[in-house]
Amino acid sequence: MEFIVEKIGMSRTIDIASAPVTLLKVIETKVCEVREDGKALVAYNSSKKLNKSIEGQQAKYGVTKEFNKFMTIEVATGTEAGDLNVAALGEAVLVKTTLTSKGRGFTGVVKRHGFAGGRASHGHRMGRRTGSIGNCEWPGRVQPGKKMPGQHGNTQVTVKNDVLSFDSENGILVLKGSIPGHNGARGLVRIVK
């Protein structure tokens, strides 16, 4: 089963053995139609964007104007059109969370790959540069997959986290540890066990 979530932020438990936790808000979701392969088309509130194609989908499935974004997710067997039941999160022990990591733009090799860089003393220009990237006369080219400067972050990342608690009244899911993405980022939570 999958659920659409929004990252609230991080906190920590107040137990004696304190642990870092991430708080996620489960987005209210309407099931529009269930397919044979265990997946369903769902609608949720994402933004104020509204156009004729979205209005057509809303009229077709009979959802209100606030549900203006549609997505296909995996649902439990026996799910019917209407509100998505989040009771399964209360019994979950382990989940996989998929979000987009923070984008850091074009970065060098020291930040992107953890290269050491050169000495900080006088008399050289190494600094935070890449250094030598090629071989000798053979093969006479740079090998594919070489760690180089480039786009860092802004990729889809999936991590496993233990579930500490789920507040079904407010829809707040508390996971042990951190998950990728900025506060307010939206993604999916999949129940593993």
Protein backbone atom coordinates (compact mmCIF):
# COMPACT_ATOMS: atom_id res chain seq x y z
CA MET A 1 0.00 0.00 0.00
CA GLU A 2 1.14 3.51 -0.78
CA PHE A 3 0.16 6.87 0.69
CA ILE A 4 0.89 10.44 -0.44
CA VAL A 5 2.71 12.38 2.31
CA GLU A 6 4.15 15.83 2.94
CA LYS A 7 7.30 16.30 5.00
CA ILE A 8 6.68 18.54 8.04
CA GLY A 9 10.20 18.49 9.46
CA MET A 10 12.44 16.82 12.02
CA SER A 11 12.26 16.58 15.80
CA ARG A 12 13.38 14.14 18.48
CA THR A 13 11.76 11.89 21.06
CA ILE A 14 11.75 12.86 24.73
CA ASP A 15 12.67 9.39 26.00
CA ILE A 16 15.86 8.78 27.96
CA ALA A 17 17.42 7.24 24.85
CA SER A 18 16.42 10.17 22.63
CA ALA A 19 16.16 9.46 18.90
CA PRO A 20 15.84 11.78 15.88
CA VAL A 21 12.47 11.50 14.11
CA THR A 22 10.85 12.87 10.95
CA LEU A 23 7.23 14.00 10.95
CA LEU A 24 5.10 13.38 7.85
CA LYS A 25 1.55 14.56 7.16
CA VAL A 26 -0.60 12.05 5.27
CA ILE A 27 -2.45 13.94 2.52
CA GLU A 28 -6.21 13.43 2.27
CA THR A 29 -6.77 11.32 -0.84
CA LYS A 30 -9.86 10.25 -2.81
CA VAL A 31 -9.83 7.00 -4.77
CA CYS A 32 -11.31 7.67 -8.22
CA GLU A 33 -11.07 4.25 -9.87
CA VAL A 34 -9.44 0.93 -8.95
CA ARG A 35 -7.67 -1.10 -11.65
CA GLU A 36 -7.23 -4.89 -11.85
CA ASP A 37 -3.47 -4.79 -11.16
CA GLY A 38 -3.92 -3.48 -7.59
CA LYS A 39 -3.30 0.15 -8.51
CA ALA A 40 -5.77 3.02 -8.32
CA LEU A 41 -6.17 6.50 -9.74
CA VAL A 42 -6.42 8.91 -6.81
CA ALA A 43 -7.04 12.65 -6.47
CA TYR A 44 -5.48 14.97 -3.87
CA ASN A 45 -5.03 18.68 -3.20
CA SER A 46 -1.73 20.00 -4.53
CA SER A 47 -2.03 23.65 -5.61
CA LYS A 48 -4.44 26.27 -6.92
CA LYS A 49 -3.84 25.21 -10.53
CA LEU A 50 -7.05 24.48 -12.41
CA ASN A 51 -7.62 24.03 -16.16
CA LYS A 52 -10.16 22.35 -18.43
CA SER A 53 -8.48 18.95 -18.37
CA ILE A 54 -8.44 18.94 -14.55
CA GLU A 55 -12.07 20.11 -14.44
CA GLY A 56 -12.99 17.29 -16.83
CA GLN A 57 -11.35 14.71 -14.55
CA GLN A 58 -13.12 16.18 -11.51
CA ALA A 59 -16.50 15.99 -13.26
CA LYS A 60 -15.84 12.44 -14.50
CA TYR A 61 -15.02 11.07 -11.03
CA GLY A 62 -17.29 13.39 -9.01
CA VAL A 63 -14.64 14.99 -6.80
CA THR A 64 -14.71 18.55 -5.46
CA LYS A 65 -12.59 21.43 -6.82
CA GLU A 66 -10.00 21.18 -4.01
CA PHE A 67 -8.85 17.76 -5.33
CA ASN A 68 -6.98 19.06 -8.37
CA LYS A 69 -4.06 16.64 -8.81
CA PHE A 70 -4.28 13.02 -9.98
CA MET A 71 -1.82 10.16 -9.46
CA THR A 72 -1.68 6.37 -9.71
CA ILE A 73 -0.69 4.57 -6.50
CA GLU A 74 -0.78 1.02 -5.14
CA VAL A 75 -3.77 0.27 -2.87
CA ALA A 76 -4.93 -2.64 -0.72
CA THR A 77 -7.12 -5.35 -2.19
CA GLY A 78 -10.81 -4.63 -1.74
CA THR A 79 -10.39 -0.85 -1.95
CA GLU A 80 -13.35 0.91 -3.53
CA ALA A 81 -13.91 4.44 -4.85
CA GLY A 82 -14.10 7.08 -2.12
CA ASP A 83 -11.81 8.10 0.75
CA LEU A 84 -8.52 6.19 1.06
CA ASN A 85 -8.36 4.27 4.35
CA VAL A 86 -5.18 5.11 6.33
CA ALA A 87 -5.77 2.61 9.16
CA ALA A 88 -3.01 0.33 7.82
CA LEU A 89 -0.38 2.92 8.82
CA GLY A 90 -1.32 2.39 12.49
CA GLU A 91 -0.15 -1.25 12.29
CA ALA A 92 2.90 -0.63 10.06
CA VAL A 93 6.37 -1.37 11.46
CA LEU A 94 8.65 -0.57 8.51
CA VAL A 95 8.03 1.76 5.54
CA LYS A 96 9.87 2.91 2.41
CA THR A 97 9.73 6.65 1.80
CA THR A 98 10.35 8.12 -1.67
CA LEU A 99 10.96 11.87 -2.03
CA THR A 100 13.09 14.19 -4.17
CA SER A 101 16.34 15.17 -2.45
CA LYS A 102 17.37 18.81 -2.03
CA GLY A 103 18.94 20.22 -5.20
CA ARG A 104 22.40 21.73 -4.71
CA GLY A 105 22.98 22.87 -8.28
CA PHE A 106 26.27 22.50 -10.14
CA THR A 107 28.88 21.51 -7.55
CA GLY A 108 32.54 20.57 -7.58
CA VAL A 109 34.08 17.22 -6.72
CA VAL A 110 34.90 18.11 -3.11
CA LYS A 111 31.23 18.72 -2.25
CA ARG A 112 29.70 16.24 -4.70
CA HIS A 113 31.99 13.21 -4.22
CA GLY A 114 33.97 14.03 -1.06
CA PHE A 115 37.36 14.51 -2.73
CA ALA A 116 40.11 15.78 -0.43
CA GLY A 117 41.39 18.63 -2.61
CA GLY A 118 44.96 19.89 -2.52
CA ARG A 119 47.22 21.28 0.20
CA ALA A 120 46.33 24.61 1.76
CA SER A 121 49.93 25.80 1.83
CA HIS A 122 51.72 28.28 -0.45
CA GLY A 123 53.13 27.57 -3.85
CA HIS A 124 50.43 25.56 -5.62
CA ARG A 125 47.12 26.08 -7.36
CA MET A 126 45.39 22.81 -6.52
CA GLY A 127 42.79 24.08 -4.01
CA ARG A 128 39.48 22.26 -4.49
CA ARG A 129 40.15 21.11 -8.05
CA THR A 130 39.54 17.64 -9.50
CA GLY A 131 43.15 16.79 -10.30
CA SER A 132 44.26 14.29 -12.93
CA ILE A 133 41.36 12.65 -14.79
CA GLY A 134 42.96 10.62 -17.61
CA ASN A 135 45.33 7.71 -18.12
CA CYS A 136 48.60 7.66 -20.08
CA GLU A 137 48.90 7.07 -23.81
CA TRP A 138 46.45 4.16 -23.64
CA PRO A 139 43.42 4.37 -23.79
CA GLY A 140 43.94 8.09 -24.48
CA ARG A 141 40.54 9.16 -23.21
CA VAL A 142 38.63 9.70 -19.96
CA GLN A 143 36.87 6.56 -18.73
CA PRO A 144 33.03 6.61 -18.57
CA GLY A 145 31.62 7.10 -15.07
CA LYS A 146 34.55 9.20 -13.86
CA LYS A 147 33.63 11.27 -10.80
CA MET A 148 33.50 14.84 -12.07
CA PRO A 149 31.83 18.17 -11.18
CA GLY A 150 28.14 18.38 -12.10
CA GLN A 151 24.51 18.49 -10.95
CA HIS A 152 24.22 17.43 -7.30
CA GLY A 153 20.95 16.43 -5.63
CA ASN A 154 17.43 16.93 -7.02
CA THR A 155 17.03 13.18 -7.58
CA GLN A 156 14.43 10.69 -6.40
CA VAL A 157 15.67 8.90 -3.26
CA THR A 158 14.06 5.98 -1.41
CA VAL A 159 14.94 5.12 2.21
CA LYS A 160 13.65 2.61 4.76
CA ASN A 161 12.50 3.86 8.18
CA ASP A 162 10.94 2.33 11.28
CA VAL A 163 7.50 3.65 12.22
CA LEU A 164 7.38 4.98 15.79
CA SER A 165 3.75 6.14 15.84
CA PHE A 166 0.81 7.25 13.71
CA ASP A 167 -1.78 9.82 14.82
CA SER A 168 -4.82 8.83 12.75
CA GLU A 169 -6.87 11.83 13.96
CA ASN A 170 -4.40 14.42 12.60
CA GLY A 171 -2.76 12.17 9.98
CA ILE A 172 0.77 12.58 11.40
CA LEU A 173 3.23 9.74 10.76
CA VAL A 174 6.38 9.66 12.93
CA LEU A 175 9.39 7.86 11.40
CA LYS A 176 12.71 7.10 13.09
CA GLY A 177 15.66 8.87 11.44
CA SER A 178 15.78 11.30 8.54
CA ILE A 179 14.30 11.22 5.04
CA PRO A 180 15.40 13.17 1.94
CA GLY A 181 13.79 16.40 0.73
CA HIS A 182 13.04 19.86 2.04
CA ASN A 183 10.26 20.68 4.52
CA GLY A 184 7.02 20.76 2.55
CA ALA A 185 8.25 18.23 -0.04
CA ARG A 186 5.68 15.68 -1.19
CA GLY A 187 6.31 12.02 -1.90
CA LEU A 188 5.13 8.47 -1.29
CA VAL A 189 5.22 6.13 1.69
CA ARG A 190 5.03 2.39 0.97
CA ILE A 191 4.32 -0.12 3.76
CA VAL A 192 6.98 -2.86 3.83
CA LYS A 193 5.72 -4.74 6.91
